[in-house]
PDB file of N, CA and C in Angstrom:
ATOM      1  N   UNK A   1      -4.466  11.432  15.657  1.00  0.00           N
ATOM      2  CA  UNK A   1      -4.301  12.354  14.742  1.00  0.00           C
ATOM      3  C   UNK A   1      -5.199  13.220  14.789  1.00  0.00           C
ATOM      4  N   UNK A   2      -4.769  14.691  14.601  1.00  0.00           N
ATOM      5  CA  UNK A   2      -5.863  15.619  15.058  1.00  0.00           C
ATOM      6  C   UNK A   2      -6.546  15.845  13.592  1.00  0.00           C
ATOM      7  N   UNK A   3      -7.613  16.875  13.694  1.00  0.00           N
ATOM      8  CA  UNK A   3      -8.264  16.832  12.603  1.00  0.00           C
ATOM      9  C   UNK A   3      -7.913  17.436  11.542  1.00  0.00           C
ATOM     10  N   UNK A   4      -6.944  18.254  11.516  1.00  0.00           N
ATOM     11  CA  UNK A   4      -6.394  19.016  10.333  1.00  0.00           C
ATOM     12  C   UNK A   4      -5.438  18.237  10.096  1.00  0.00           C
ATOM     13  N   UNK A   5      -4.915  16.987  10.786  1.00  0.00           N
ATOM     14  CA  UNK A   5      -3.668  16.291  10.113  1.00  0.00           C
ATOM     15  C   UNK A   5      -4.477  15.214   9.319  1.00  0.00           C
ATOM     16  N   UNK A   6      -5.791  14.774   9.864  1.00  0.00           N
ATOM     17  CA  UNK A   6      -6.565  13.805   8.969  1.00  0.00           C
ATOM     18  C   UNK A   6      -6.978  14.463   7.605  1.00  0.00           C
ATOM     19  N   UNK A   7      -7.322  15.616   7.426  1.00  0.00           N
ATOM     20  CA  UNK A   7      -7.710  16.447   6.656  1.00  0.00           C
ATOM     21  C   UNK A   7      -6.394  16.273   5.357  1.00  0.00           C
ATOM     22  N   UNK A   8      -5.284  16.869   5.949  1.00  0.00           N
ATOM     23  CA  UNK A   8      -4.148  16.816   5.213  1.00  0.00           C
ATOM     24  C   UNK A   8      -3.823  15.428   4.401  1.00  0.00           C
ATOM     25  N   UNK A   9      -4.081  14.490   5.417  1.00  0.00           N
ATOM     26  CA  UNK A   9      -3.631  13.082   4.980  1.00  0.00           C
ATOM     27  C   UNK A   9      -4.798  12.600   3.961  1.00  0.00           C
ATOM     28  N   UNK A  10      -6.044  13.174   3.891  1.00  0.00           N
ATOM     29  CA  UNK A  10      -7.067  12.733   3.159  1.00  0.00           C
ATOM     30  C   UNK A  10      -7.009  13.510   1.766  1.00  0.00           C
ATOM     31  N   UNK A  11      -6.211  14.887   1.854  1.00  0.00           N
ATOM     32  CA  UNK A  11      -6.015  15.571   0.662  1.00  0.00           C
ATOM     33  C   UNK A  11      -4.763  15.040  -0.306  1.00  0.00           C
ATOM     34  N   UNK A  12      -3.571  14.432   0.523  1.00  0.00           N
ATOM     35  CA  UNK A  12      -2.351  13.846  -0.064  1.00  0.00           C
ATOM     36  C   UNK A  12      -3.011  12.550  -0.637  1.00  0.00           C
ATOM     37  N   UNK A  13      -4.111  11.838  -0.190  1.00  0.00           N
ATOM     38  CA  UNK A  13      -4.251  10.572  -0.852  1.00  0.00           C
ATOM     39  C   UNK A  13      -5.004  11.065  -2.060  1.00  0.00           C
ATOM     40  N   UNK A  14      -5.940  11.755  -2.042  1.00  0.00           N
ATOM     41  CA  UNK A  14      -6.870  12.259  -2.734  1.00  0.00           C
ATOM     42  C   UNK A  14      -5.642  12.904  -4.028  1.00  0.00           C
ATOM     43  N   UNK A  15      -4.780  13.700  -3.943  1.00  0.00           N
ATOM     44  CA  UNK A  15      -3.970  13.977  -4.992  1.00  0.00           C
ATOM     45  C   UNK A  15      -3.318  13.044  -5.584  1.00  0.00           C
ATOM     46  N   UNK A  16      -2.701  12.128  -4.574  1.00  0.00           N
ATOM     47  CA  UNK A  16      -1.820  10.860  -5.215  1.00  0.00           C
ATOM     48  C   UNK A  16      -2.611  10.404  -6.384  1.00  0.00           C
ATOM     49  N   UNK A  17      -3.953  10.045  -5.801  1.00  0.00           N
ATOM     50  CA  UNK A  17      -4.970   9.145  -6.960  1.00  0.00           C
ATOM     51  C   UNK A  17      -5.363   9.930  -8.134  1.00  0.00           C
ATOM     52  N   UNK A  18      -5.453  11.027  -7.734  1.00  0.00           N
ATOM     53  CA  UNK A  18      -5.981  11.792  -9.238  1.00  0.00           C
ATOM     54  C   UNK A  18      -4.778  12.032  -9.780  1.00  0.00           C
ATOM     55  N   UNK A  19      -3.421  11.890  -9.362  1.00  0.00           N
ATOM     56  CA  UNK A  19      -2.039  12.371 -10.308  1.00  0.00           C
ATOM     57  C   UNK A  19      -2.173  11.029 -11.103  1.00  0.00           C
ATOM     58  N   UNK A  20      -1.964   9.737 -10.176  1.00  0.00           N
ATOM     59  CA  UNK A  20      -2.045   8.396 -11.040  1.00  0.00           C
ATOM     60  C   UNK A  20      -3.092   8.360 -12.246  1.00  0.00           C
ATOM     61  N   UNK A  21      -4.321   8.913 -12.087  1.00  0.00           N
ATOM     62  CA  UNK A  21      -5.191   8.848 -12.877  1.00  0.00           C
ATOM     63  C   UNK A  21      -5.102   9.439 -14.247  1.00  0.00           C
ATOM     64  N   UNK A  22      -4.657  10.703 -13.974  1.00  0.00           N
ATOM     65  CA  UNK A  22      -4.552  11.906 -14.907  1.00  0.00           C
ATOM     66  C   UNK A  22      -3.411  11.896 -15.741  1.00  0.00           C
ATOM     67  N   UNK A  23      -2.527  11.172 -15.123  1.00  0.00           N
ATOM     68  CA  UNK A  23      -0.697  11.771 -15.526  1.00  0.00           C
ATOM     69  C   UNK A  23      -0.873  11.017 -16.905  1.00  0.00           C
ATOM     70  N   UNK A  24      -1.160   9.652 -16.979  1.00  0.00           N
ATOM     71  CA  UNK A  24      -1.234   9.160 -18.494  1.00  0.00           C
ATOM     72  C   UNK A  24      -1.690   9.654 -19.552  1.00  0.00           C
ATOM     73  N   UNK A  25      -2.881  10.603 -19.206  1.00  0.00           N
ATOM     74  CA  UNK A  25      -3.729  11.090 -20.413  1.00  0.00           C
ATOM     75  C   UNK A  25      -2.811  12.354 -20.638  1.00  0.00           C
ATOM     76  N   UNK A  26      -2.150  12.966 -19.729  1.00  0.00           N
ATOM     77  CA  UNK A  26      -1.289  14.008 -19.769  1.00  0.00           C
ATOM     78  C   UNK A  26       0.278  14.007 -20.964  1.00  0.00           C
ATOM     79  N   UNK A  27       0.767  12.513 -20.360  1.00  0.00           N
ATOM     80  CA  UNK A  27       2.048  12.128 -20.956  1.00  0.00           C
ATOM     81  C   UNK A  27       1.706  11.809 -22.294  1.00  0.00           C
ATOM     82  N   UNK A  28       0.562  11.020 -22.584  1.00  0.00           N
ATOM     83  CA  UNK A  28       0.244  10.469 -23.841  1.00  0.00           C
ATOM     84  C   UNK A  28      -0.832  10.843 -24.340  1.00  0.00           C
ATOM     85  N   UNK A  29      -1.258  12.214 -24.606  1.00  0.00           N
ATOM     86  CA  UNK A  29      -2.297  12.746 -25.826  1.00  0.00           C
ATOM     87  C   UNK A  29      -2.993  11.811 -26.654  1.00  0.00           C
ATOM     88  N   UNK A  30      -4.140  11.860 -26.959  1.00  0.00           N
ATOM     89  CA  UNK A  30      -4.895  11.236 -28.048  1.00  0.00           C
ATOM     90  C   UNK A  30      -4.315  11.024 -29.237  1.00  0.00           C
ATOM     91  N   UNK A  31      -3.701  12.026 -29.685  1.00  0.00           N
ATOM     92  CA  UNK A  31      -3.209  11.913 -30.922  1.00  0.00           C
ATOM     93  C   UNK A  31      -1.568  11.489 -31.178  1.00  0.00           C
ATOM     94  N   UNK A  32      -0.879  11.247 -30.105  1.00  0.00           N
ATOM     95  CA  UNK A  32       0.318  10.927 -29.769  1.00  0.00           C
ATOM     96  C   UNK A  32       0.395   9.479 -29.624  1.00  0.00           C
ATOM     97  N   UNK A  33       1.258   8.746 -30.722  1.00  0.00           N
ATOM     98  CA  UNK A  33       1.702   7.219 -30.748  1.00  0.00           C
ATOM     99  C   UNK A  33       2.397   6.987 -29.127  1.00  0.00           C
ATOM    100  N   UNK A  34       2.342   6.247 -28.426  1.00  0.00           N
ATOM    101  CA  UNK A  34       2.863   5.752 -27.203  1.00  0.00           C
ATOM    102  C   UNK A  34       4.366   4.898 -27.493  1.00  0.00           C
ATOM    103  N   UNK A  35       5.461   5.093 -26.787  1.00  0.00           N
ATOM    104  CA  UNK A  35       6.617   4.564 -27.090  1.00  0.00           C
ATOM    105  C   UNK A  35       6.138   3.042 -27.305  1.00  0.00           C
ATOM    106  N   UNK A  36       7.339   2.452 -27.771  1.00  0.00           N
ATOM    107  CA  UNK A  36       7.086   0.622 -27.966  1.00  0.00           C
ATOM    108  C   UNK A  36       6.934   0.197 -26.609  1.00  0.00           C
ATOM    109  N   UNK A  37       8.073   0.876 -25.728  1.00  0.00           N
ATOM    110  CA  UNK A  37       8.267   0.100 -24.727  1.00  0.00           C
ATOM    111  C   UNK A  37       6.781   0.078 -23.630  1.00  0.00           C
ATOM    112  N   UNK A  38       5.969   1.096 -23.814  1.00  0.00           N
ATOM    113  CA  UNK A  38       4.727   1.123 -23.040  1.00  0.00           C
ATOM    114  C   UNK A  38       3.796   0.397 -23.827  1.00  0.00           C
ATOM    115  N   UNK A  39       3.638   0.303 -25.502  1.00  0.00           N
ATOM    116  CA  UNK A  39       2.889  -0.994 -25.963  1.00  0.00           C
ATOM    117  C   UNK A  39       3.072  -1.687 -25.268  1.00  0.00           C
ATOM    118  N   UNK A  40       4.494  -2.314 -25.464  1.00  0.00           N
ATOM    119  CA  UNK A  40       4.659  -3.720 -24.960  1.00  0.00           C
ATOM    120  C   UNK A  40       4.388  -4.202 -23.419  1.00  0.00           C
ATOM    121  N   UNK A  41       4.523  -3.299 -22.710  1.00  0.00           N
ATOM    122  CA  UNK A  41       4.124  -3.060 -21.013  1.00  0.00           C
ATOM    123  C   UNK A  41       2.219  -3.689 -21.284  1.00  0.00           C
ATOM    124  N   UNK A  42       1.783  -2.577 -21.977  1.00  0.00           N
ATOM    125  CA  UNK A  42       0.400  -2.578 -21.895  1.00  0.00           C
ATOM    126  C   UNK A  42      -0.203  -4.150 -22.556  1.00  0.00           C
ATOM    127  N   UNK A  43       0.793  -4.744 -23.257  1.00  0.00           N
ATOM    128  CA  UNK A  43       0.273  -6.218 -23.931  1.00  0.00           C
ATOM    129  C   UNK A  43       0.686  -7.502 -22.624  1.00  0.00           C
ATOM    130  N   UNK A  44       1.567  -7.144 -22.228  1.00  0.00           N
ATOM    131  CA  UNK A  44       2.489  -8.114 -21.571  1.00  0.00           C
ATOM    132  C   UNK A  44       2.088  -8.200 -19.906  1.00  0.00           C
ATOM    133  N   UNK A  45       1.860  -7.039 -19.291  1.00  0.00           N
ATOM    134  CA  UNK A  45       1.601  -6.916 -17.822  1.00  0.00           C
ATOM    135  C   UNK A  45       0.137  -7.535 -17.242  1.00  0.00           C
ATOM    136  N   UNK A  46      -0.827  -7.335 -17.915  1.00  0.00           N
ATOM    137  CA  UNK A  46      -2.321  -8.153 -17.698  1.00  0.00           C
ATOM    138  C   UNK A  46      -1.847  -9.592 -17.174  1.00  0.00           C
ATOM    139  N   UNK A  47      -1.316 -10.436 -18.091  1.00  0.00           N
ATOM    140  CA  UNK A  47      -0.845 -11.686 -17.839  1.00  0.00           C
ATOM    141  C   UNK A  47       0.031 -11.773 -17.024  1.00  0.00           C
ATOM    142  N   UNK A  48       0.830 -11.256 -16.415  1.00  0.00           N
ATOM    143  CA  UNK A  48       1.927 -10.980 -15.547  1.00  0.00           C
ATOM    144  C   UNK A  48       0.774 -10.864 -14.180  1.00  0.00           C
ATOM    145  N   UNK A  49       0.308  -9.819 -14.200  1.00  0.00           N
ATOM    146  CA  UNK A  49      -0.921  -9.619 -12.824  1.00  0.00           C
ATOM    147  C   UNK A  49      -1.852 -10.935 -12.568  1.00  0.00           C
ATOM    148  N   UNK A  50      -2.136 -11.484 -13.494  1.00  0.00           N
ATOM    149  CA  UNK A  50      -3.188 -12.495 -13.389  1.00  0.00           C
ATOM    150  C   UNK A  50      -2.428 -13.585 -12.687  1.00  0.00           C
ATOM    151  N   UNK A  51      -1.044 -13.827 -13.157  1.00  0.00           N
ATOM    152  CA  UNK A  51      -0.229 -14.930 -12.741  1.00  0.00           C
ATOM    153  C   UNK A  51       0.130 -14.576 -11.292  1.00  0.00           C
ATOM    154  N   UNK A  52       0.472 -13.322 -10.971  1.00  0.00           N
ATOM    155  CA  UNK A  52       0.971 -13.115  -9.660  1.00  0.00           C
ATOM    156  C   UNK A  52      -0.679 -13.303  -8.504  1.00  0.00           C
ATOM    157  N   UNK A  53      -1.572 -13.014  -8.927  1.00  0.00           N
ATOM    158  CA  UNK A  53      -2.874 -13.183  -8.160  1.00  0.00           C
ATOM    159  C   UNK A  53      -2.973 -14.499  -7.951  1.00  0.00           C
ATOM    160  N   UNK A  54      -2.795 -15.426  -8.970  1.00  0.00           N
ATOM    161  CA  UNK A  54      -2.934 -16.905  -8.684  1.00  0.00           C
ATOM    162  C   UNK A  54      -1.892 -17.287  -7.744  1.00  0.00           C
ATOM    163  N   UNK A  55      -1.149 -17.114  -7.932  1.00  0.00           N
ATOM    164  CA  UNK A  55       0.314 -17.401  -7.046  1.00  0.00           C
ATOM    165  C   UNK A  55      -0.204 -17.137  -5.643  1.00  0.00           C
ATOM    166  N   UNK A  56      -0.482 -15.745  -5.485  1.00  0.00           N
ATOM    167  CA  UNK A  56      -0.984 -15.149  -4.237  1.00  0.00           C
ATOM    168  C   UNK A  56      -1.875 -15.881  -3.853  1.00  0.00           C
ATOM    169  N   UNK A  57      -2.977 -16.348  -4.467  1.00  0.00           N
ATOM    170  CA  UNK A  57      -4.200 -16.834  -3.918  1.00  0.00           C
ATOM    171  C   UNK A  57      -3.892 -17.973  -3.392  1.00  0.00           C
ATOM    172  N   UNK A  58      -2.866 -19.065  -3.976  1.00  0.00           N
ATOM    173  CA  UNK A  58      -2.951 -20.611  -3.662  1.00  0.00           C
ATOM    174  C   UNK A  58      -1.529 -20.457  -2.980  1.00  0.00           C
ATOM    175  N   UNK A  59      -0.921 -19.364  -2.637  1.00  0.00           N
ATOM    176  CA  UNK A  59       0.501 -19.791  -1.603  1.00  0.00           C
ATOM    177  C   UNK A  59      -0.036 -20.193  -0.190  1.00  0.00           C
ATOM    178  N   UNK A  60      -0.728 -19.976   0.254  1.00  0.00           N
ATOM    179  CA  UNK A  60      -0.922 -20.381   1.403  1.00  0.00           C
ATOM    180  C   UNK A  60      -1.799 -21.701   1.645  1.00  0.00           C
ATOM    181  N   UNK A  61      -2.154 -22.303   0.590  1.00  0.00           N
ATOM    182  CA  UNK A  61      -2.790 -23.505   0.675  1.00  0.00           C
ATOM    183  C   UNK A  61      -1.746 -24.619   1.168  1.00  0.00           C
ATOM    184  N   UNK A  62      -1.919 -25.399   2.179  1.00  0.00           N
ATOM    185  CA  UNK A  62      -1.130 -26.692   2.760  1.00  0.00           C
ATOM    186  C   UNK A  62      -1.362 -27.792   1.498  1.00  0.00           C
ATOM    187  N   UNK A  63      -0.536 -28.217   0.573  1.00  0.00           N
ATOM    188  CA  UNK A  63      -0.603 -29.163  -0.122  1.00  0.00           C
ATOM    189  C   UNK A  63      -0.577 -30.663   0.311  1.00  0.00           C
ATOM    190  N   UNK A  64      -1.007 -30.776   1.887  1.00  0.00           N
ATOM    191  CA  UNK A  64      -1.488 -32.196   2.322  1.00  0.00           C
ATOM    192  C   UNK A  64      -2.782 -32.679   2.005  1.00  0.00           C
ATOM    193  N   UNK A  65      -2.785 -33.794   2.391  1.00  0.00           N
ATOM    194  CA  UNK A  65      -4.437 -34.504   2.346  1.00  0.00           C
ATOM    195  C   UNK A  65      -5.478 -33.707   2.733  1.00  0.00           C
ATOM    196  N   UNK A  66      -6.476 -33.176   1.550  1.00  0.00           N
ATOM    197  CA  UNK A  66      -7.686 -32.516   1.859  1.00  0.00           C
ATOM    198  C   UNK A  66      -6.959 -30.951   2.203  1.00  0.00           C
ATOM    199  N   UNK A  67      -5.900 -30.422   2.287  1.00  0.00           N
ATOM    200  CA  UNK A  67      -5.617 -29.011   2.664  1.00  0.00           C
ATOM    201  C   UNK A  67      -6.018 -28.129   1.402  1.00  0.00           C
ATOM    202  N   UNK A  68      -5.478 -28.684   0.316  1.00  0.00           N
ATOM    203  CA  UNK A  68      -5.369 -27.713  -0.669  1.00  0.00           C
ATOM    204  C   UNK A  68      -6.203 -28.118  -1.627  1.00  0.00           C
ATOM    205  N   UNK A  69      -7.341 -29.235  -1.223  1.00  0.00           N
ATOM    206  CA  UNK A  69      -8.284 -29.385  -2.450  1.00  0.00           C
ATOM    207  C   UNK A  69      -9.277 -28.646  -2.772  1.00  0.00           C
ATOM    208  N   UNK A  70      -9.881 -27.763  -1.812  1.00  0.00           N
ATOM    209  CA  UNK A  70     -10.554 -26.641  -2.435  1.00  0.00           C
ATOM    210  C   UNK A  70     -10.507 -25.962  -3.695  1.00  0.00           C
ATOM    211  N   UNK A  71      -8.868 -25.422  -3.038  1.00  0.00           N
ATOM    212  CA  UNK A  71      -8.238 -24.640  -4.104  1.00  0.00           C
ATOM    213  C   UNK A  71      -7.834 -25.331  -5.483  1.00  0.00           C
ATOM    214  N   UNK A  72      -7.515 -26.199  -5.095  1.00  0.00           N
ATOM    215  CA  UNK A  72      -7.507 -27.208  -6.455  1.00  0.00           C
ATOM    216  C   UNK A  72      -8.530 -27.499  -7.565  1.00  0.00           C
ATOM    217  N   UNK A  73      -9.651 -27.700  -6.740  1.00  0.00           N
ATOM    218  CA  UNK A  73     -10.939 -27.957  -7.456  1.00  0.00           C
ATOM    219  C   UNK A  73     -11.271 -26.651  -8.292  1.00  0.00           C
ATOM    220  N   UNK A  74     -11.192 -25.401  -7.328  1.00  0.00           N
ATOM    221  CA  UNK A  74     -11.566 -24.270  -7.872  1.00  0.00           C
ATOM    222  C   UNK A  74     -10.864 -23.808  -8.957  1.00  0.00           C
ATOM    223  N   UNK A  75      -9.545 -23.811  -8.946  1.00  0.00           N
ATOM    224  CA  UNK A  75      -8.717 -23.591 -10.161  1.00  0.00           C
ATOM    225  C   UNK A  75      -9.130 -24.389 -11.335  1.00  0.00           C
ATOM    226  N   UNK A  76      -9.321 -25.916 -10.947  1.00  0.00           N
ATOM    227  CA  UNK A  76      -9.261 -26.782 -12.202  1.00  0.00           C
ATOM    228  C   UNK A  76     -10.802 -26.417 -12.792  1.00  0.00           C
ATOM    229  N   UNK A  77     -11.870 -25.961 -12.181  1.00  0.00           N
ATOM    230  CA  UNK A  77     -13.099 -25.661 -12.423  1.00  0.00           C
ATOM    231  C   UNK A  77     -13.161 -24.303 -13.217  1.00  0.00           C
ATOM    232  N   UNK A  78     -12.317 -23.281 -12.960  1.00  0.00           N
ATOM    233  CA  UNK A  78     -11.989 -21.796 -13.351  1.00  0.00           C
ATOM    234  C   UNK A  78     -11.528 -22.327 -15.026  1.00  0.00           C
ATOM    235  N   UNK A  79     -10.573 -22.921 -14.874  1.00  0.00           N
ATOM    236  CA  UNK A  79      -9.725 -23.381 -16.338  1.00  0.00           C
ATOM    237  C   UNK A  79     -10.731 -24.028 -16.979  1.00  0.00           C
ATOM    238  N   UNK A  80     -11.314 -25.268 -16.697  1.00  0.00           N
ATOM    239  CA  UNK A  80     -12.131 -25.862 -17.450  1.00  0.00           C
ATOM    240  C   UNK A  80     -13.412 -25.055 -18.065  1.00  0.00           C
ATOM    241  N   UNK A  81     -13.994 -24.441 -17.222  1.00  0.00           N
ATOM    242  CA  UNK A  81     -15.278 -23.347 -17.722  1.00  0.00           C
ATOM    243  C   UNK A  81     -14.621 -22.636 -18.693  1.00  0.00           C
ATOM    244  N   UNK A  82     -13.315 -21.637 -18.494  1.00  0.00           N
ATOM    245  CA  UNK A  82     -13.018 -20.404 -19.316  1.00  0.00           C
ATOM    246  C   UNK A  82     -12.787 -21.145 -20.991  1.00  0.00           C
ATOM    247  N   UNK A  83     -12.005 -22.348 -20.633  1.00  0.00           N
ATOM    248  CA  UNK A  83     -11.785 -23.234 -22.116  1.00  0.00           C
ATOM    249  C   UNK A  83     -13.229 -23.345 -22.690  1.00  0.00           C
ATOM    250  N   UNK A  84     -14.050 -23.953 -22.240  1.00  0.00           N
ATOM    251  CA  UNK A  84     -15.525 -24.025 -22.517  1.00  0.00           C
ATOM    252  C   UNK A  84     -16.088 -23.003 -23.121  1.00  0.00           C
ATOM    253  N   UNK A  85     -16.424 -21.757 -21.995  1.00  0.00           N
ATOM    254  CA  UNK A  85     -17.423 -21.052 -22.465  1.00  0.00           C
ATOM    255  C   UNK A  85     -16.563 -19.606 -22.900  1.00  0.00           C
ATOM    256  N   UNK A  86     -15.054 -19.590 -22.605  1.00  0.00           N
ATOM    257  CA  UNK A  86     -14.748 -18.377 -23.200  1.00  0.00           C
ATOM    258  C   UNK A  86     -15.007 -16.972 -22.487  1.00  0.00           C
ATOM    259  N   UNK A  87     -15.527 -17.061 -21.458  1.00  0.00           N
ATOM    260  CA  UNK A  87     -16.045 -15.927 -20.712  1.00  0.00           C
ATOM    261  C   UNK A  87     -15.338 -15.856 -19.199  1.00  0.00           C
ATOM    262  N   UNK A  88     -14.563 -14.799 -18.872  1.00  0.00           N
ATOM    263  CA  UNK A  88     -13.699 -14.450 -18.062  1.00  0.00           C
ATOM    264  C   UNK A  88     -14.754 -14.104 -16.690  1.00  0.00           C
ATOM    265  N   UNK A  89     -15.502 -13.506 -16.947  1.00  0.00           N
ATOM    266  CA  UNK A  89     -16.484 -13.304 -15.742  1.00  0.00           C
ATOM    267  C   UNK A  89     -17.143 -14.093 -15.191  1.00  0.00           C
ATOM    268  N   UNK A  90     -17.787 -15.014 -16.074  1.00  0.00           N
ATOM    269  CA  UNK A  90     -18.197 -16.310 -15.262  1.00  0.00           C
ATOM    270  C   UNK A  90     -17.559 -17.158 -14.891  1.00  0.00           C
ATOM    271  N   UNK A  91     -16.266 -17.425 -15.730  1.00  0.00           N
ATOM    272  CA  UNK A  91     -14.988 -18.119 -15.163  1.00  0.00           C
ATOM    273  C   UNK A  91     -14.771 -18.209 -13.615  1.00  0.00           C
ATOM    274  N   UNK A  92     -14.661 -16.613 -13.697  1.00  0.00           N
ATOM    275  CA  UNK A  92     -13.932 -16.130 -12.078  1.00  0.00           C
ATOM    276  C   UNK A  92     -15.117 -16.110 -11.095  1.00  0.00           C
ATOM    277  N   UNK A  93     -16.407 -15.994 -11.690  1.00  0.00           N
ATOM    278  CA  UNK A  93     -17.651 -15.619 -10.498  1.00  0.00           C
ATOM    279  C   UNK A  93     -17.821 -17.322 -10.014  1.00  0.00           C
ATOM    280  N   UNK A  94     -18.068 -18.292 -11.175  1.00  0.00           N
ATOM    281  CA  UNK A  94     -18.473 -19.588 -10.753  1.00  0.00           C
ATOM    282  C   UNK A  94     -17.406 -20.051  -9.956  1.00  0.00           C
ATOM    283  N   UNK A  95     -15.963 -19.930 -10.186  1.00  0.00           N
ATOM    284  CA  UNK A  95     -14.682 -20.535  -9.562  1.00  0.00           C
ATOM    285  C   UNK A  95     -14.818 -19.958  -8.114  1.00  0.00           C
ATOM    286  N   UNK A  96     -15.444 -18.709  -7.582  1.00  0.00           N
ATOM    287  CA  UNK A  96     -15.218 -18.113  -6.460  1.00  0.00           C
ATOM    288  C   UNK A  96     -16.515 -18.772  -5.574  1.00  0.00           C
ATOM    289  N   UNK A  97     -17.671 -18.933  -6.107  1.00  0.00           N
ATOM    290  CA  UNK A  97     -18.542 -19.379  -5.812  1.00  0.00           C
ATOM    291  C   UNK A  97     -18.448 -20.899  -5.559  1.00  0.00           C
ATOM    292  N   UNK A  98     -17.825 -21.503  -6.328  1.00  0.00           N
ATOM    293  CA  UNK A  98     -17.580 -23.267  -5.992  1.00  0.00           C
ATOM    294  C   UNK A  98     -16.336 -23.439  -4.784  1.00  0.00           C
ATOM    295  N   UNK A  99     -15.527 -22.333  -4.992  1.00  0.00           N
ATOM    296  CA  UNK A  99     -14.274 -22.502  -3.565  1.00  0.00           C
ATOM    297  C   UNK A  99     -15.601 -22.130  -2.160  1.00  0.00           C
ATOM    298  N   UNK A 100     -15.935 -21.006  -2.406  1.00  0.00           N
ATOM    299  CA  UNK A 100     -16.769 -20.673  -1.318  1.00  0.00           C
ATOM    300  C   UNK A 100     -17.401 -21.595  -0.687  1.00  0.00           C
ATOM    301  N   UNK A 101     -18.444 -22.406  -1.512  1.00  0.00           N
ATOM    302  CA  UNK A 101     -19.311 -23.485  -1.051  1.00  0.00           C
ATOM    303  C   UNK A 101     -18.401 -24.553  -0.577  1.00  0.00           C
ATOM    304  N   UNK A 102     -17.291 -25.018  -1.281  1.00  0.00           N
ATOM    305  CA  UNK A 102     -16.650 -26.007  -1.010  1.00  0.00           C
ATOM    306  C   UNK A 102     -16.025 -25.565   0.652  1.00  0.00           C
ATOM    307  N   UNK A 103     -15.496 -24.431   1.001  1.00  0.00           N
ATOM    308  CA  UNK A 103     -14.829 -24.172   1.991  1.00  0.00           C
ATOM    309  C   UNK A 103     -16.220 -24.297   3.080  1.00  0.00           C
ATOM    310  N   UNK A 104     -16.700 -23.710   2.691  1.00  0.00           N
ATOM    311  CA  UNK A 104     -18.165 -23.253   3.933  1.00  0.00           C
ATOM    312  C   UNK A 104     -18.747 -24.656   4.152  1.00  0.00           C
ATOM    313  N   UNK A 105     -19.057 -25.676   3.360  1.00  0.00           N
ATOM    314  CA  UNK A 105     -19.727 -26.687   3.739  1.00  0.00           C
ATOM    315  C   UNK A 105     -19.229 -27.923   3.398  1.00  0.00           C
ATOM    316  N   UNK A 106     -18.193 -28.296   2.596  1.00  0.00           N
ATOM    317  CA  UNK A 106     -17.708 -29.572   2.256  1.00  0.00           C
ATOM    318  C   UNK A 106     -16.430 -29.698   2.918  1.00  0.00           C
ATOM    319  N   UNK A 107     -15.182 -28.858   3.126  1.00  0.00           N
ATOM    320  CA  UNK A 107     -14.167 -28.976   3.828  1.00  0.00           C
ATOM    321  C   UNK A 107     -14.144 -28.232   5.352  1.00  0.00           C
TER     322      UNK A 107
END
């Protein structure tokens, strides 16, 4: 790519990013109530995204002896820790550290 093509590409990416960031504030100003469908999506989509991320993270684990064990241990620890402490960042951070420790030193 030439320098001008690179600059144009960066400008298009910046414009697209800014559009996706500012468009909701333009469509739904502060005093205006959003439609019920948007409110519904706001309550449902976070759980759907987390579900997709969990499936994506463990989809490649081979569930043969010892091949899916680090993932299973990490996911179990995240669930137990979250039920116990009710702290999302702590659960995700501890689960990530445990998984990396298991993969790097145990399995």
